[in-house]
Protein backbone atom coordinates (compact mmCIF):
# COMPACT_ATOMS: atom_id res chain seq x y z
CA UNK A 1 250.66 -42.05 323.79
CA UNK A 2 247.55 -40.01 324.62
CA UNK A 3 246.11 -38.15 321.64
CA UNK A 4 244.52 -34.72 321.58
CA UNK A 5 242.19 -33.33 318.88
CA UNK A 6 243.74 -30.19 317.38
CA UNK A 7 241.27 -27.35 317.73
CA UNK A 8 240.03 -25.86 314.47
CA UNK A 9 241.55 -28.59 312.28
CA UNK A 10 238.31 -30.12 311.03
CA UNK A 11 238.11 -30.47 307.25
CA UNK A 12 235.20 -31.28 304.93
CA UNK A 13 235.48 -32.46 301.36
CA UNK A 14 235.84 -29.60 298.89
CA UNK A 15 232.53 -28.48 297.42
CA UNK A 16 232.06 -30.12 294.03
CA UNK A 17 234.69 -32.77 294.75
CA UNK A 18 234.52 -36.52 295.29
CA UNK A 19 237.01 -38.92 296.80
CA UNK A 20 238.14 -41.68 294.44
CA UNK A 21 240.44 -43.79 296.60
CA UNK A 22 243.20 -43.87 299.16
CA UNK A 23 246.25 -41.68 298.71
CA UNK A 24 249.39 -43.57 297.72
CA UNK A 25 250.93 -44.61 301.06
CA UNK A 26 254.42 -44.07 299.61
CA UNK A 27 253.74 -40.55 298.35
CA UNK A 28 256.10 -38.02 299.91
CA UNK A 29 254.70 -34.82 301.36
CA UNK A 30 255.65 -31.92 303.59
CA UNK A 31 253.63 -30.50 306.46
CA UNK A 32 254.08 -27.21 308.30
CA UNK A 33 253.67 -27.34 312.05
CA UNK A 34 252.82 -23.90 313.50
CA UNK A 35 253.86 -23.30 317.11
CA UNK A 36 252.85 -20.86 319.81
CA UNK A 37 254.95 -17.70 320.15
CA UNK A 38 256.95 -16.59 323.16
CA UNK A 39 255.72 -13.61 325.19
CA UNK A 40 252.31 -13.68 323.55
CA UNK A 41 250.86 -11.28 326.13
CA UNK A 42 253.57 -8.71 325.38
CA UNK A 43 252.87 -9.02 321.64
CA UNK A 44 249.15 -8.53 322.26
CA UNK A 45 249.94 -5.41 324.26
CA UNK A 46 252.05 -4.01 321.40
CA UNK A 47 249.28 -4.74 318.89
CA UNK A 48 246.70 -3.09 321.17
CA UNK A 49 248.78 0.09 321.12
CA UNK A 50 248.97 -0.02 317.33
CA UNK A 51 245.20 -0.49 317.13
CA UNK A 52 244.74 2.61 319.30
CA UNK A 53 247.08 4.51 316.97
CA UNK A 54 249.60 5.10 319.72
CA UNK A 55 253.19 5.89 318.82
CA UNK A 56 254.99 2.53 318.82
CA UNK A 57 258.45 1.75 317.47
CA UNK A 58 258.30 -1.02 314.91
CA UNK A 59 260.40 -4.06 315.68
CA UNK A 60 263.19 -5.11 313.36
CA UNK A 61 262.99 -8.62 311.99
CA UNK A 62 265.78 -9.63 314.35
CA UNK A 63 264.06 -8.08 317.38
CA UNK A 64 260.77 -9.79 316.55
CA UNK A 65 262.43 -13.20 316.22
CA UNK A 66 264.22 -12.77 319.53
CA UNK A 67 261.22 -11.53 321.50
CA UNK A 68 258.31 -13.39 319.90
CA UNK A 69 259.72 -16.34 317.98
CA UNK A 70 259.02 -19.93 318.99
CA UNK A 71 260.92 -21.18 322.05
CA UNK A 72 263.80 -23.59 321.46
CA UNK A 73 262.29 -26.15 323.85
CA UNK A 74 258.99 -26.11 321.94
CA UNK A 75 260.79 -26.73 318.65
CA UNK A 76 262.71 -29.57 320.32
CA UNK A 77 259.45 -31.25 321.38
CA UNK A 78 258.14 -31.15 317.82
CA UNK A 79 261.42 -32.62 316.59
CA UNK A 80 261.10 -35.43 319.14
CA UNK A 81 257.54 -36.12 317.93
CA UNK A 82 258.80 -36.25 314.33
CA UNK A 83 261.54 -38.71 315.22
CA UNK A 84 259.05 -41.00 316.97
CA UNK A 85 257.01 -41.23 313.75
CA UNK A 86 259.89 -41.46 311.28
CA UNK A 87 259.30 -37.95 309.94
CA UNK A 88 262.24 -35.85 308.73
CA UNK A 89 262.75 -32.27 309.94
CA UNK A 90 263.22 -30.26 306.73
CA UNK A 91 263.63 -26.89 308.42
CA UNK A 92 262.75 -24.94 311.51
CA UNK A 93 262.18 -21.21 311.77
CA UNK A 94 261.82 -19.70 315.21
CA UNK A 95 260.91 -16.28 313.76
CA UNK A 96 257.85 -17.60 311.93
CA UNK A 97 257.19 -20.18 314.70
CA UNK A 98 257.14 -23.04 312.22
CA UNK A 99 258.72 -26.43 311.63
CA UNK A 100 258.51 -28.20 308.26
CA UNK A 101 258.35 -31.99 308.40
CA UNK A 102 258.46 -34.49 305.55
CA UNK A 103 257.39 -38.09 305.31
CA UNK A 104 255.19 -40.52 303.45
CA UNK A 105 251.41 -40.54 303.42
CA UNK A 106 251.50 -43.67 305.58
CA UNK A 107 253.75 -42.01 308.14
CA UNK A 108 251.63 -38.86 308.25
CA UNK A 109 248.42 -40.89 308.52
CA UNK A 110 249.83 -42.58 311.60
CA UNK A 111 251.39 -39.44 313.10
CA UNK A 112 248.23 -37.34 312.91
CA UNK A 113 245.57 -40.11 312.91
CA UNK A 114 244.14 -39.22 309.53
CA UNK A 115 243.18 -41.11 306.38
CA UNK A 116 244.42 -39.20 303.35
CA UNK A 117 242.51 -39.80 300.09
CA UNK A 118 242.68 -38.77 296.45
CA UNK A 119 239.87 -36.44 295.43
CA UNK A 120 238.82 -34.91 292.12
CA UNK A 121 237.09 -31.56 291.73
CA UNK A 122 235.45 -29.26 289.21
CA UNK A 123 234.33 -25.66 289.69
CA UNK A 124 233.51 -22.53 287.70
CA UNK A 125 235.60 -19.38 288.09
CA UNK A 126 235.57 -16.37 285.73
CA UNK A 127 233.25 -18.29 283.36
CA UNK A 128 235.82 -21.07 283.02
CA UNK A 129 235.65 -24.66 284.27
CA UNK A 130 238.58 -25.65 286.48
CA UNK A 131 239.23 -29.35 287.04
CA UNK A 132 241.88 -31.16 289.00
CA UNK A 133 242.67 -33.45 291.87
CA UNK A 134 244.06 -33.08 295.35
CA UNK A 135 245.16 -35.08 298.36
CA UNK A 136 242.44 -34.59 300.95
CA UNK A 137 241.17 -35.47 304.37
CA UNK A 138 238.03 -35.10 306.44
CA UNK A 139 237.56 -34.80 310.20
CA UNK A 140 240.05 -33.52 312.76
CA UNK A 141 243.77 -33.98 313.29
CA UNK A 142 245.25 -35.49 316.42
CA UNK A 143 248.50 -34.65 318.15
CA UNK A 144 250.10 -35.99 321.36
CA UNK A 145 248.83 -34.36 324.53
CA UNK A 146 252.39 -33.19 325.19
CA UNK A 147 252.04 -30.86 322.17
CA UNK A 148 248.52 -29.58 322.83
CA UNK A 149 249.66 -26.24 324.26
CA UNK A 150 252.55 -25.93 321.80
CA UNK A 151 251.17 -26.73 318.33
CA UNK A 152 248.48 -24.38 317.01
CA UNK A 153 248.13 -25.71 313.44
CA UNK A 154 249.28 -28.51 311.14
CA UNK A 155 249.02 -27.58 307.45
CA UNK A 156 249.87 -29.36 304.22
CA UNK A 157 248.35 -32.80 304.71
CA UNK A 158 245.46 -31.61 302.54
CA UNK A 159 246.71 -29.84 299.40
CA UNK A 160 243.43 -28.70 297.84
CA UNK A 161 243.54 -25.34 295.99
CA UNK A 162 242.90 -22.82 298.76
CA UNK A 163 242.58 -19.46 297.04
CA UNK A 164 241.44 -17.83 293.84
CA UNK A 165 242.88 -14.82 292.09
CA UNK A 166 240.72 -11.70 291.99
CA UNK A 167 241.24 -10.35 288.48
CA UNK A 168 238.82 -10.18 285.56
CA UNK A 169 239.36 -9.44 281.90
CA UNK A 170 237.11 -6.88 280.28
CA UNK A 171 233.93 -8.79 279.42
CA UNK A 172 232.31 -8.80 275.98
CA UNK A 173 229.39 -6.74 277.23
CA UNK A 174 228.82 -3.10 278.17
CA UNK A 175 227.26 -2.42 281.60
CA UNK A 176 224.37 -0.18 280.58
CA UNK A 177 224.25 1.68 283.88
CA UNK A 178 227.84 2.82 283.71
CA UNK A 179 228.29 4.02 280.14
CA UNK A 180 230.90 3.10 277.57
CA UNK A 181 234.07 1.15 278.23
CA UNK A 182 237.31 3.01 278.91
CA UNK A 183 240.74 1.97 280.11
CA UNK A 184 243.60 3.60 281.96
CA UNK A 185 247.26 2.95 282.42
CA UNK A 186 248.29 2.57 286.07
CA UNK A 187 249.98 5.98 285.78
CA UNK A 188 246.69 7.56 284.70
CA UNK A 189 244.85 5.99 287.63
CA UNK A 190 247.55 7.24 290.00
CA UNK A 191 247.20 10.73 288.52
CA UNK A 192 243.40 10.70 288.89
CA UNK A 193 243.88 9.70 292.52
CA UNK A 194 246.43 12.49 293.02
CA UNK A 195 249.25 10.18 294.08
CA UNK A 196 252.40 11.91 295.39
CA UNK A 197 255.12 12.55 292.83
CA UNK A 198 257.86 10.26 294.12
CA UNK A 199 258.19 6.71 292.83
CA UNK A 200 258.99 4.52 295.84
CA UNK A 201 262.78 4.82 295.86
CA UNK A 202 264.41 2.76 298.58
CA UNK A 203 261.37 0.52 299.10
CA UNK A 204 260.59 -3.10 298.32
CA UNK A 205 257.07 -4.24 297.40
CA UNK A 206 256.34 -7.93 297.92
CA UNK A 207 253.80 -9.64 295.65
CA UNK A 208 252.30 -12.98 296.72
CA UNK A 209 251.54 -15.33 293.81
CA UNK A 210 250.07 -18.83 293.99
CA UNK A 211 250.73 -19.85 290.40
CA UNK A 212 251.59 -18.53 286.97
CA UNK A 213 254.53 -16.36 286.11
CA UNK A 214 255.92 -13.51 284.05
CA UNK A 215 258.21 -13.05 281.08
CA UNK A 216 260.95 -10.43 281.50
CA UNK A 217 260.54 -9.46 277.84
CA UNK A 218 256.86 -8.63 278.41
CA UNK A 219 257.76 -6.40 281.33
CA UNK A 220 260.43 -4.61 279.33
CA UNK A 221 257.98 -3.98 276.46
CA UNK A 222 255.24 -2.81 278.81
CA UNK A 223 257.25 -0.35 280.86
CA UNK A 224 259.03 0.94 277.77
CA UNK A 225 255.62 1.66 276.28
CA UNK A 226 254.79 3.74 279.35
CA UNK A 227 258.00 5.68 278.89
CA UNK A 228 259.51 4.59 282.20
CA UNK A 229 262.41 2.37 283.21
CA UNK A 230 261.32 -1.09 284.25
CA UNK A 231 261.64 -1.70 288.00
CA UNK A 232 263.91 -4.42 289.34
CA UNK A 233 261.79 -7.57 289.62
CA UNK A 234 263.03 -10.62 291.52
CA UNK A 235 261.30 -14.02 291.55
CA UNK A 236 261.56 -15.89 294.85
CA UNK A 237 260.68 -19.59 295.05
CA UNK A 238 258.82 -20.75 298.16
CA UNK A 239 258.61 -24.51 298.54
CA UNK A 240 257.89 -26.00 295.12
CA UNK A 241 256.57 -22.69 293.76
CA UNK A 242 258.43 -20.87 290.99
CA UNK A 243 258.06 -18.33 288.22
CA UNK A 244 256.35 -20.55 285.66
CA UNK A 245 254.32 -18.67 283.03
CA UNK A 246 251.76 -20.85 281.30
CA UNK A 247 251.32 -18.80 278.13
CA UNK A 248 247.57 -18.57 278.90
CA UNK A 249 246.62 -15.01 279.80
CA UNK A 250 243.46 -16.22 281.57
CA UNK A 251 245.57 -18.33 283.92
CA UNK A 252 247.41 -17.06 286.98
CA UNK A 253 249.76 -15.32 284.53
CA UNK A 254 247.13 -12.57 284.30
CA UNK A 255 247.33 -12.07 288.05
CA UNK A 256 251.11 -12.03 288.19
CA UNK A 257 251.52 -9.57 285.33
CA UNK A 258 248.74 -7.28 286.56
CA UNK A 259 250.31 -7.07 290.01
CA UNK A 260 253.81 -6.35 288.72
CA UNK A 261 252.68 -3.82 286.13
CA UNK A 262 250.38 -1.83 288.42
CA UNK A 263 252.80 -1.71 291.36
CA UNK A 264 255.86 -1.31 289.15
CA UNK A 265 254.47 1.50 287.01
CA UNK A 266 253.47 3.66 289.98
CA UNK A 267 256.42 2.85 292.25
CA UNK A 268 258.94 2.36 289.46
CA UNK A 269 262.00 2.95 291.65
CA UNK A 270 260.93 0.39 294.24
CA UNK A 271 262.22 -3.15 294.03
CA UNK A 272 259.52 -5.73 293.29
CA UNK A 273 259.94 -9.13 294.97
CA UNK A 274 257.54 -11.80 293.69
CA UNK A 275 257.06 -14.77 296.02
CA UNK A 276 255.81 -17.85 294.16
CA UNK A 277 254.27 -20.64 296.23
CA UNK A 278 251.84 -23.54 295.68
CA UNK A 279 248.13 -22.73 295.94
CA UNK A 280 247.41 -24.52 299.23
CA UNK A 281 246.77 -23.20 302.72
CA UNK A 282 250.30 -24.23 303.69
CA UNK A 283 251.79 -22.66 300.55
CA UNK A 284 249.86 -19.40 300.97
CA UNK A 285 250.94 -18.93 304.58
CA UNK A 286 254.52 -19.93 303.75
CA UNK A 287 254.73 -17.29 301.01
CA UNK A 288 253.53 -14.52 303.31
CA UNK A 289 255.78 -15.70 306.15
CA UNK A 290 258.76 -15.74 303.77
CA UNK A 291 258.04 -12.20 302.61
CA UNK A 292 257.52 -10.82 306.11
CA UNK A 293 260.71 -12.34 307.49
CA UNK A 294 262.84 -11.78 304.36
CA UNK A 295 265.95 -10.12 305.79
CA UNK A 296 267.54 -9.72 302.34
CA UNK A 297 264.81 -7.96 300.34
CA UNK A 298 263.13 -6.42 303.41
CA UNK A 299 259.72 -5.57 301.89
CA UNK A 300 257.95 -2.69 303.62
CA UNK A 301 254.62 -3.46 301.95
CA UNK A 302 252.99 -6.67 300.72
CA UNK A 303 250.28 -6.98 298.05
CA UNK A 304 247.98 -10.03 298.04
CA UNK A 305 245.39 -10.48 295.28
CA UNK A 306 244.34 -14.03 296.24
CA UNK A 307 241.82 -15.32 298.74
CA UNK A 308 238.74 -17.39 299.42
CA UNK A 309 235.54 -17.21 301.47
CA UNK A 310 236.08 -17.50 305.21
CA UNK A 311 233.97 -20.66 305.13
CA UNK A 312 236.51 -22.38 302.84
CA UNK A 313 239.29 -22.14 305.44
CA UNK A 314 239.85 -24.24 308.52
CA UNK A 315 239.89 -22.29 311.74
CA UNK A 316 243.47 -23.41 312.41
CA UNK A 317 244.65 -22.12 309.03
CA UNK A 318 242.92 -18.75 309.44
CA UNK A 319 244.32 -18.27 312.93
CA UNK A 320 247.83 -19.29 311.82
CA UNK A 321 247.60 -16.86 308.88
CA UNK A 322 246.26 -14.13 311.15
CA UNK A 323 249.20 -14.72 313.50
CA UNK A 324 251.52 -14.16 310.54
CA UNK A 325 249.74 -10.93 309.61
CA UNK A 326 249.92 -9.77 313.21
CA UNK A 327 253.70 -10.23 313.01
CA UNK A 328 253.73 -8.01 309.92
CA UNK A 329 251.96 -5.26 311.86
CA UNK A 330 254.48 -5.50 314.69
CA UNK A 331 257.37 -5.17 312.23
CA UNK A 332 255.89 -2.21 310.35
CA UNK A 333 255.02 -4.10 307.17
CA UNK A 334 251.78 -2.93 305.51
CA UNK A 335 249.72 -5.73 303.93
CA UNK A 336 247.23 -4.78 301.18
CA UNK A 337 244.69 -7.47 300.21
CA UNK A 338 242.04 -7.65 297.48
CA UNK A 339 238.53 -8.01 298.94
CA UNK A 340 237.21 -10.27 296.16
CA UNK A 341 235.31 -9.95 292.89
CA UNK A 342 232.04 -11.71 293.67
CA UNK A 343 230.16 -9.11 295.66
CA UNK A 344 228.56 -9.65 299.05
CA UNK A 345 228.25 -13.44 298.57
CA UNK A 346 231.95 -13.89 297.70
CA UNK A 347 230.82 -16.50 295.18
CA UNK A 348 229.26 -18.83 297.76
CA UNK A 349 226.12 -20.46 296.35
CA UNK A 350 222.83 -19.38 297.87
CA UNK A 351 223.57 -15.66 297.89
CA UNK A 352 224.23 -15.38 301.63
CA UNK A 353 226.69 -12.80 302.93
CA UNK A 354 230.35 -13.87 302.95
CA UNK A 355 233.66 -12.05 303.08
CA UNK A 356 236.99 -13.09 301.64
CA UNK A 357 240.02 -14.11 303.70
CA UNK A 358 242.77 -12.92 304.19
CA UNK A 359 241.05 -9.59 303.37
CA UNK A 360 238.92 -10.05 306.51
CA UNK A 361 241.95 -10.19 308.80
CA UNK A 362 242.03 -7.13 311.09
CA UNK A 363 245.76 -6.75 310.35
CA UNK A 364 245.45 -6.04 306.61
CA UNK A 365 244.23 -3.16 304.49
CA UNK A 366 241.29 -4.70 302.63
CA UNK A 367 240.89 -3.19 299.14
CA UNK A 368 237.46 -3.01 297.48
CA UNK A 369 236.38 -1.93 294.01
CA UNK A 370 234.86 1.01 292.19
CA UNK A 371 233.92 1.97 288.65
CA UNK A 372 235.89 5.07 287.69
CA UNK A 373 235.09 7.58 284.96
CA UNK A 374 237.13 10.68 284.16
CA UNK A 375 237.33 13.59 281.76
CA UNK A 376 240.14 16.09 281.20
CA UNK A 377 242.32 14.35 283.80
CA UNK A 378 239.69 14.66 286.54
CA UNK A 379 237.25 12.15 288.03
CA UNK A 380 233.72 12.73 286.77
CA UNK A 381 232.00 9.86 288.56
CA UNK A 382 232.91 6.97 290.81
CA UNK A 383 230.46 4.36 292.05
CA UNK A 384 230.56 0.86 293.50
CA UNK A 385 231.78 -1.70 290.97
CA UNK A 386 228.90 -4.09 290.29
CA UNK A 387 228.35 -5.61 286.85
CA UNK A 388 225.45 -7.75 288.03
CA UNK A 389 224.86 -11.41 287.33
CA UNK A 390 226.90 -11.36 284.12
CA UNK A 391 230.03 -9.96 285.71
CA UNK A 392 231.69 -9.26 289.03
CA UNK A 393 231.33 -6.88 291.95
CA UNK A 394 233.60 -5.66 294.69
CA UNK A 395 233.69 -7.95 297.71
CA UNK A 396 232.60 -6.64 301.08
CA UNK A 397 230.55 -7.30 304.16
CA UNK A 398 231.00 -8.37 307.76
CA UNK A 399 233.34 -11.09 308.98
CA UNK A 400 231.86 -14.14 310.67
CA UNK A 401 235.20 -14.81 312.38
CA UNK A 402 237.06 -11.69 313.48
CA UNK A 403 236.03 -9.30 316.22
CA UNK A 404 235.27 -5.63 315.65
CA UNK A 405 238.54 -3.65 315.63
CA UNK A 406 238.68 -0.58 317.84
CA UNK A 407 239.20 1.63 314.77
CA UNK A 408 235.87 0.44 313.29
CA UNK A 409 233.79 1.09 316.38
CA UNK A 410 230.58 3.10 316.01
CA UNK A 411 230.28 2.37 312.30
CA UNK A 412 227.11 1.11 310.65
CA UNK A 413 226.36 -1.19 307.75
CA UNK A 414 223.44 -0.68 305.36
CA UNK A 415 221.73 -3.46 303.45
CA UNK A 416 220.60 -3.12 299.84
CA UNK A 417 217.02 -2.73 301.12
CA UNK A 418 218.10 0.28 303.21
CA UNK A 419 218.17 -1.31 306.67
CA UNK A 420 220.98 0.18 308.77
CA UNK A 421 222.51 -1.61 311.74
CA UNK A 422 225.63 -1.30 313.92
CA UNK A 423 228.80 -2.97 312.66
CA UNK A 424 229.45 -5.75 315.18
CA UNK A 425 232.45 -7.57 313.67
CA UNK A 426 235.32 -6.77 311.33
CA UNK A 427 233.95 -4.88 308.34
CA UNK A 428 235.35 -5.31 304.83
CA UNK A 429 236.77 -3.47 302.87
CA UNK A 430 238.78 -0.63 304.38
CA UNK A 431 239.51 1.31 301.18
CA UNK A 432 238.81 1.07 297.46
CA UNK A 433 240.02 1.93 293.99
CA UNK A 434 239.19 1.39 290.34
CA UNK A 435 238.38 -2.31 289.77
CA UNK A 436 235.66 -2.41 287.10
CA UNK A 437 236.98 -4.22 283.99
CA UNK A 438 234.93 -1.77 281.93
CA UNK A 439 237.09 1.03 283.37
CA UNK A 440 240.09 -1.25 283.78
CA UNK A 441 243.86 -1.20 283.52
CA UNK A 442 245.78 -1.42 280.25
CA UNK A 443 248.35 -4.17 280.84
CA UNK A 444 250.37 -6.73 278.92
CA UNK A 445 250.05 -10.48 279.57
CA UNK A 446 251.81 -13.27 277.68
CA UNK A 447 252.68 -11.07 274.74
CA UNK A 448 249.23 -9.51 274.41
CA UNK A 449 248.07 -6.02 275.35
CA UNK A 450 244.74 -6.26 277.15
CA UNK A 451 242.51 -4.64 279.79
CA UNK A 452 242.04 -6.18 283.23
CA UNK A 453 240.04 -5.20 286.29
CA UNK A 454 239.06 -6.77 289.58
CA UNK A 455 240.07 -5.95 293.13
CA UNK A 456 243.34 -7.69 292.23
CA UNK A 457 244.36 -4.38 290.70
CA UNK A 458 243.46 -2.38 293.82
CA UNK A 459 245.80 -4.23 296.19
CA UNK A 460 248.97 -3.41 294.18
CA UNK A 461 247.60 0.11 293.54
CA UNK A 462 247.44 0.74 297.29
CA UNK A 463 250.74 -1.10 297.86
CA UNK A 464 252.40 1.28 295.41
CA UNK A 465 250.87 4.28 297.21
CA UNK A 466 252.18 2.98 300.54
CA UNK A 467 255.64 2.49 299.01
CA UNK A 468 255.59 6.09 297.78
CA UNK A 469 254.52 7.27 301.25
CA UNK A 470 257.29 5.26 302.88
CA UNK A 471 259.78 6.75 300.45
CA UNK A 472 258.56 10.25 301.29
CA UNK A 473 258.84 9.51 305.01
CA UNK A 474 262.49 8.60 304.54
CA UNK A 475 263.14 12.27 303.85
CA UNK A 476 260.79 13.62 306.48
CA UNK A 477 261.44 14.88 310.01
CA UNK A 478 263.20 12.97 312.75
CA UNK A 479 259.98 11.38 314.04
CA UNK A 480 259.43 9.42 310.83
CA UNK A 481 262.71 9.43 308.93
CA UNK A 482 263.66 5.96 307.77
CA UNK A 483 260.47 4.35 309.12
CA UNK A 484 257.61 2.75 307.23
CA UNK A 485 254.03 3.70 307.94
CA UNK A 486 253.33 0.05 308.80
CA UNK A 487 249.91 -0.94 310.13
CA UNK A 488 248.02 1.89 308.46
CA UNK A 489 244.38 1.12 309.26
CA UNK A 490 244.02 3.01 312.59
CA UNK A 491 245.54 6.11 310.96
CA UNK A 492 243.31 5.99 307.87
CA UNK A 493 240.08 5.69 309.83
CA UNK A 494 240.86 9.09 311.35
CA UNK A 495 241.37 10.70 307.93
CA UNK A 496 238.04 10.61 306.07
CA UNK A 497 238.94 13.85 304.26
CA UNK A 498 241.76 12.00 302.48
CA UNK A 499 239.24 9.90 300.51
CA UNK A 500 236.74 10.24 297.71
CA UNK A 501 233.60 9.08 299.49
CA UNK A 502 231.68 6.60 297.31
CA UNK A 503 227.95 6.92 298.04
CA UNK A 504 226.27 5.32 295.03
CA UNK A 505 225.76 1.65 294.20
CA UNK A 506 225.76 -1.70 295.94
CA UNK A 507 227.73 -4.95 295.84
CA UNK A 508 224.70 -7.19 296.14
CA UNK A 509 223.35 -7.18 299.67
CA UNK A 510 225.07 -3.99 300.90
CA UNK A 511 224.63 -0.36 299.89
CA UNK A 512 227.15 2.42 299.60
CA UNK A 513 226.53 5.31 301.99
CA UNK A 514 228.32 8.43 303.29
CA UNK A 515 231.40 7.50 305.29
CA UNK A 516 232.55 3.90 305.62
CA UNK A 517 230.45 1.22 303.97
CA UNK A 518 230.68 -2.50 303.21
CA UNK A 519 231.17 -1.87 299.47
CA UNK A 520 234.07 0.57 299.21
CA UNK A 521 235.18 1.12 302.80
CA UNK A 522 236.35 4.68 303.41
CA UNK A 523 236.46 5.28 299.65
CA UNK A 524 239.13 5.74 296.99
CA UNK A 525 242.28 7.71 297.84
CA UNK A 526 243.43 11.23 297.34
CA UNK A 527 247.03 10.06 297.52
CA UNK A 528 248.61 13.38 298.40
CA UNK A 529 246.11 13.93 301.22
CA UNK A 530 246.75 10.41 302.51
CA UNK A 531 250.46 11.19 302.51
CA UNK A 532 250.13 14.53 304.29
CA UNK A 533 247.78 13.07 306.90
CA UNK A 534 250.23 10.39 308.04
CA UNK A 535 253.66 11.75 307.16
């Protein structure tokens, strides 16, 4: 059988890791095979209209599956390939254009011509050392030539941790440039940003989580303390993921609780669906796919507070993920993503410019960070969040992967030294909100009341705003009644007056400036103006 190298599948060993031996040949694993979609040209045409902000009817989940799902004959060819190599077909999903296969390491080595190994790693994140091991590979994957135009990605052979959460606890220092520490409840932040008065009734907000968990008793205590009824929160297991709180607030529990409490406080009448999945590229994409195609909970907005530098992803994984996010746009699902907490370098050693993915996808609303100060229920100052070498800073910059969207044309980017140049590829972020831990959010994690910041808080903040807008649209005129705002970016870039323009500060190598910038995007929201501009 003639083999074909799968484009974009090349892997390198994880930075800071070392391989310590062959993977157990009898170890069982699952891989996700991503397939091409039907009528790809028609889907591209629909997306082009959305990018130009033309009036387009969103597809239902059923319509999308029928028009753009994987073809039955393509799925059959993958099943035949699996049978030839003794792999078991766990599931197939035409809507998400994916087939899950299971088998042993030995079978997968032979099927994809790889040599899976055991690797150990150690890295620093949020001033904490993280150690572990993963099943890894180097080089490219191979597939039969008969599948070369059908299969676009094979994920799950390598199960290294793919993403990091973007939250930070209030540090034990006071940023001298930004005054004394303060904290806000999510309701206070929403009030300062003039969010509309409704609370997301009739909507479902999806939260993507790659670890950790929540305790229902903590949520009840927290929302009771705010004087509001706790929203309905449902945990949804994806693969081997599940709601599994660790009891350590500095673990992924902090992320999970922050997301639920910010989104749930502001959009308290919305249902909150929390999708738990393993922290791998396959697990991450599976969680988002599950949320987008969830015909039971039907989320209209998704919040993602996890990601990693573009350079840490394989091209096949990024393109498969981007395909998933494109599907969300076609179905009218808004996806809000944290832009990262490590400034213009995104934590990559050497200080070069890097942006975080999936925030850099052109089909998401990338959410950057500010430092917010207020007095007498009004904003007194708002600048770029940047705590310097000791702390974090809002992620932002220019993608090395994704082309310049039509709605970002004619924008410029300004370096910290003041050099201005045209934006030539996808710029990050699109919008911003309070993210500085020193002006952070009062939340409850693992039985403890604490203050957390990071762009992780901004994604659910914007998701809650979108849910409130969608709820308001349900009672609007015939042109919008019952429809979600969906892919919101092209609309927002025409509504600069709906934002607080952030013009002071930098995130490392980029400066804030009037209008869009690579630190805070269009700025922080005036929620009522955002609503009125797109209702």
